[in-house]
N, C-alpha and C. Protein backbone atom coordinates (compact mmCIF):
# COMPACT_ATOMS: atom_id res chain seq x y z
N MET A 1 120.69 -25.42 34.46
CA MET A 1 121.12 -25.94 35.55
C MET A 1 120.23 -25.19 36.94
N LEU A 2 118.79 -23.79 37.00
CA LEU A 2 119.40 -22.74 38.03
C LEU A 2 117.79 -23.58 38.55
N ARG A 3 116.94 -24.12 36.86
CA ARG A 3 115.01 -24.20 36.89
C ARG A 3 115.82 -25.98 36.88
N LEU A 4 115.90 -26.63 37.30
CA LEU A 4 115.94 -27.89 37.75
C LEU A 4 116.12 -27.50 39.17
N GLY A 5 117.46 -27.42 39.47
CA GLY A 5 117.31 -27.08 40.42
C GLY A 5 116.08 -26.45 41.47
N LEU A 6 115.60 -24.83 41.07
CA LEU A 6 113.68 -25.19 42.04
C LEU A 6 113.32 -26.05 41.71
N LEU A 7 113.03 -27.21 40.16
CA LEU A 7 112.23 -27.46 40.83
C LEU A 7 112.64 -28.05 41.93
N LEU A 8 113.59 -29.36 41.74
CA LEU A 8 113.56 -30.01 42.86
C LEU A 8 114.09 -29.39 44.89
N LEU A 9 113.98 -28.76 44.32
CA LEU A 9 114.16 -27.87 45.39
C LEU A 9 112.78 -27.77 45.90
N ILE A 10 112.09 -27.06 45.69
CA ILE A 10 110.38 -26.80 46.24
C ILE A 10 109.16 -28.53 45.31
N VAL A 11 109.20 -28.81 44.52
CA VAL A 11 108.52 -29.96 44.85
C VAL A 11 108.63 -31.21 44.97
N PRO A 12 109.18 -32.19 45.51
CA PRO A 12 109.26 -32.96 46.76
C PRO A 12 108.61 -32.32 48.02
N PRO A 13 109.73 -31.72 48.54
CA PRO A 13 108.63 -31.78 49.57
C PRO A 13 107.14 -31.04 49.93
N LEU A 14 106.23 -30.60 48.71
CA LEU A 14 105.42 -30.00 48.16
C LEU A 14 104.49 -30.78 47.69
N ALA A 15 104.98 -32.31 47.62
CA ALA A 15 105.01 -34.53 47.53
C ALA A 15 105.14 -34.22 48.55
N LEU A 16 105.63 -34.52 49.68
CA LEU A 16 105.39 -34.61 51.53
C LEU A 16 104.36 -34.31 51.92
N MET A 17 104.54 -32.45 51.62
CA MET A 17 103.46 -32.33 51.94
C MET A 17 101.74 -32.48 51.59
N ALA A 18 101.19 -33.17 50.53
CA ALA A 18 100.18 -33.61 49.94
C ALA A 18 100.10 -34.73 50.52
N GLY A 19 100.93 -35.61 50.69
CA GLY A 19 100.87 -37.11 50.58
C GLY A 19 100.62 -36.72 52.09
N TYR A 20 101.03 -35.74 53.34
CA TYR A 20 100.90 -35.89 54.55
C TYR A 20 99.29 -35.48 54.61
N MET A 21 98.96 -34.20 54.07
CA MET A 21 97.94 -33.79 54.05
C MET A 21 96.32 -34.54 53.51
N ILE A 22 96.80 -35.91 52.44
CA ILE A 22 95.50 -36.31 52.06
C ILE A 22 95.66 -38.05 52.88
N GLU A 23 96.46 -38.55 53.86
CA GLU A 23 96.08 -39.14 55.06
C GLU A 23 95.52 -38.79 56.05
N GLN A 24 96.38 -37.07 56.94
CA GLN A 24 95.54 -36.54 57.89
C GLN A 24 94.51 -36.79 57.00
N ALA A 25 94.02 -36.58 55.99
CA ALA A 25 92.23 -36.26 56.24
C ALA A 25 91.62 -36.92 55.57
N GLN A 26 92.52 -38.14 55.39
CA GLN A 26 91.45 -39.66 55.64
C GLN A 26 91.60 -40.37 57.21
N VAL A 27 92.39 -39.93 57.99
CA VAL A 27 92.12 -39.87 59.33
C VAL A 27 91.25 -39.01 60.09
N ASP A 28 91.32 -37.99 59.78
CA ASP A 28 90.15 -37.13 60.42
C ASP A 28 88.59 -37.86 59.85
N ALA A 29 88.16 -38.23 58.97
CA ALA A 29 87.61 -38.22 58.62
C ALA A 29 87.06 -39.74 59.14
N CYS A 30 87.71 -41.04 59.11
CA CYS A 30 87.91 -41.47 59.65
C CYS A 30 87.81 -42.44 61.86
N LEU A 31 87.90 -41.42 62.59
CA LEU A 31 87.31 -40.73 63.78
C LEU A 31 86.40 -39.89 63.36
N ASP A 32 86.50 -39.24 62.51
CA ASP A 32 84.75 -37.92 62.68
C ASP A 32 83.80 -39.27 62.69
N SER A 33 83.41 -40.97 61.89
CA SER A 33 82.19 -41.60 61.54
C SER A 33 82.79 -42.37 62.36
N GLY A 34 83.43 -42.24 64.33
CA GLY A 34 83.33 -43.18 65.40
C GLY A 34 85.07 -44.50 65.30
N GLY A 35 85.14 -44.92 63.82
CA GLY A 35 86.35 -45.27 63.99
C GLY A 35 87.67 -45.20 64.32
N ALA A 36 88.15 -46.70 64.48
CA ALA A 36 89.92 -46.18 64.70
C ALA A 36 91.01 -46.66 63.72
N TRP A 37 92.43 -45.38 63.68
CA TRP A 37 92.31 -45.78 62.05
C TRP A 37 93.58 -46.55 62.85
N HIS A 38 94.02 -47.45 61.75
CA HIS A 38 94.83 -48.36 62.30
C HIS A 38 96.03 -48.01 60.96
N TYR A 39 97.17 -47.70 61.32
CA TYR A 39 98.27 -46.48 60.79
C TYR A 39 99.03 -47.41 60.16
N ALA A 40 99.97 -48.26 60.25
CA ALA A 40 100.31 -50.06 59.86
C ALA A 40 99.52 -50.58 58.54
N GLU A 41 97.88 -50.44 58.93
CA GLU A 41 97.45 -50.08 57.28
C GLU A 41 97.11 -50.18 56.69
N ALA A 42 96.94 -48.46 57.00
CA ALA A 42 96.06 -47.25 56.70
C ALA A 42 95.23 -47.69 56.14
N GLU A 43 93.77 -47.67 56.87
CA GLU A 43 92.95 -48.63 57.07
C GLU A 43 91.76 -47.76 57.98
N CYS A 44 90.54 -47.40 57.48
CA CYS A 44 89.41 -47.37 59.65
C CYS A 44 89.17 -48.60 60.56
N VAL A 45 89.07 -48.76 61.97
CA VAL A 45 88.89 -49.66 61.86
C VAL A 45 87.52 -49.77 61.85
N SER A 46 85.91 -50.47 63.22
CA SER A 46 85.11 -49.90 62.94
C SER A 46 85.13 -50.09 64.33
N SER A 47 86.34 -50.97 65.30
CA SER A 47 86.79 -50.72 67.05
C SER A 47 88.12 -50.87 67.36
N GLY A 48 89.16 -50.99 68.05
CA GLY A 48 90.01 -51.26 69.08
C GLY A 48 90.13 -50.08 68.77
N GLU A 49 91.99 -50.23 69.69
CA GLU A 49 92.67 -49.08 69.95
C GLU A 49 94.10 -49.02 68.96
N TYR A 50 94.95 -48.52 68.40
CA TYR A 50 95.95 -48.65 67.48
C TYR A 50 97.20 -47.36 68.18
N PRO A 51 97.85 -48.44 68.18
CA PRO A 51 99.13 -47.19 68.15
C PRO A 51 99.57 -45.93 67.40
N PHE A 52 99.87 -44.40 67.43
CA PHE A 52 100.19 -43.99 65.92
C PHE A 52 102.04 -44.01 65.91
N VAL A 53 101.96 -44.21 64.75
CA VAL A 53 103.26 -44.61 63.83
C VAL A 53 102.45 -42.61 62.76
N PRO A 54 104.20 -42.11 63.27
CA PRO A 54 104.46 -41.16 62.88
C PRO A 54 104.55 -41.53 60.86
N PHE A 55 104.41 -40.51 60.23
CA PHE A 55 104.20 -40.29 58.55
C PHE A 55 105.69 -41.08 58.23
N MET A 56 107.38 -40.78 59.28
CA MET A 56 108.60 -40.64 58.43
C MET A 56 108.70 -42.16 58.72
N MET A 57 108.43 -42.87 59.72
CA MET A 57 108.25 -44.27 59.91
C MET A 57 106.84 -45.10 59.17
N ARG A 58 106.21 -44.78 59.02
CA ARG A 58 105.77 -45.04 57.56
C ARG A 58 106.25 -45.29 56.40
N HIS A 59 106.60 -44.52 56.35
CA HIS A 59 107.26 -44.19 54.30
C HIS A 59 108.45 -43.27 54.84
N PRO A 60 110.03 -44.42 55.40
CA PRO A 60 110.49 -43.56 55.59
C PRO A 60 111.20 -42.78 54.21
N LEU A 61 111.15 -44.07 52.73
CA LEU A 61 112.23 -43.99 51.47
C LEU A 61 111.08 -42.50 51.17
N LEU A 62 110.63 -42.32 51.07
CA LEU A 62 109.53 -41.24 49.92
C LEU A 62 110.54 -39.88 51.98
N VAL A 63 109.81 -39.46 52.59
CA VAL A 63 110.72 -38.55 53.58
C VAL A 63 112.38 -38.06 53.41
N ASN A 64 113.07 -39.81 53.48
CA ASN A 64 114.24 -39.27 53.18
C ASN A 64 114.70 -39.43 51.42
N GLY A 65 114.33 -39.62 50.61
CA GLY A 65 114.31 -39.56 49.70
C GLY A 65 113.73 -38.84 48.90
N GLY A 66 113.26 -37.89 49.59
CA GLY A 66 112.25 -36.01 49.20
C GLY A 66 113.18 -34.95 49.38
N MET A 67 113.41 -35.23 51.01
CA MET A 67 115.15 -34.84 51.70
C MET A 67 116.19 -34.51 51.04
N LEU A 68 116.43 -35.90 50.19
CA LEU A 68 117.42 -35.52 49.89
C LEU A 68 117.59 -34.66 48.09
N LEU A 69 116.56 -34.91 47.77
CA LEU A 69 116.31 -33.94 46.57
C LEU A 69 116.06 -32.71 47.07
N SER A 70 115.38 -32.69 47.32
CA SER A 70 114.81 -31.10 47.96
C SER A 70 116.90 -30.49 48.42
N VAL A 71 117.76 -31.29 49.37
CA VAL A 71 119.42 -30.76 49.12
C VAL A 71 119.58 -30.89 47.91
N VAL A 72 120.28 -31.92 46.97
CA VAL A 72 120.43 -31.48 45.99
C VAL A 72 119.51 -30.27 45.07
N GLY A 73 118.61 -30.16 44.73
CA GLY A 73 117.52 -28.73 44.36
C GLY A 73 118.42 -27.73 45.04
N LEU A 74 118.61 -27.48 45.86
CA LEU A 74 119.48 -26.95 46.68
C LEU A 74 121.51 -27.01 45.97
N PHE A 75 121.34 -27.34 46.04
CA PHE A 75 123.17 -27.38 45.30
C PHE A 75 123.19 -27.07 44.21
N PHE A 76 122.18 -27.20 43.31
CA PHE A 76 121.94 -26.75 41.78
C PHE A 76 121.65 -26.05 41.78
N CYS A 77 120.74 -25.30 42.52
CA CYS A 77 120.44 -24.18 42.72
C CYS A 77 121.95 -23.26 42.36
N LEU A 78 122.86 -23.43 43.36
CA LEU A 78 123.94 -22.43 43.50
C LEU A 78 124.63 -22.80 42.74
N ILE A 79 124.79 -23.89 42.21
CA ILE A 79 125.96 -24.02 41.09
C ILE A 79 125.16 -22.97 39.99
N GLY A 80 124.21 -22.99 39.49
CA GLY A 80 123.40 -21.77 38.63
C GLY A 80 124.01 -21.05 38.86
N LEU A 81 123.56 -20.17 40.08
CA LEU A 81 123.34 -18.75 40.74
C LEU A 81 125.29 -18.85 40.26
N TYR A 82 126.71 -19.44 40.78
CA TYR A 82 127.17 -19.35 41.16
C TYR A 82 127.97 -19.10 39.73
N LYS A 83 127.80 -19.85 38.62
CA LYS A 83 127.97 -19.25 37.18
C LYS A 83 127.40 -18.89 36.14
N GLY A 84 125.38 -18.05 36.97
CA GLY A 84 125.15 -17.19 36.05
C GLY A 84 124.92 -17.91 34.93
N ARG A 85 124.00 -16.66 34.19
CA ARG A 85 123.62 -17.34 33.04
C ARG A 85 124.85 -16.95 31.60
N SER A 86 125.83 -17.47 31.78
CA SER A 86 127.14 -17.99 30.10
C SER A 86 125.83 -17.77 28.71
């Protein structure tokens, strides 16, 4: 139970950070090339201005689901530590 809890506690936030950083790298490359990033379409456009849309607004299920899995992992860790290695 403790190992599963630790996996659920650590892996979802790491996956969220990886997804966010990959997207930010794409945005940065687009802006460096002189383009404009269209957040809703997730693509680089040669001209125009598009409003910033936060990562959580674009991927609510991913963010909320990941955080929920982390909380479940925390509870699994607590249960695993409470029961010990019987």
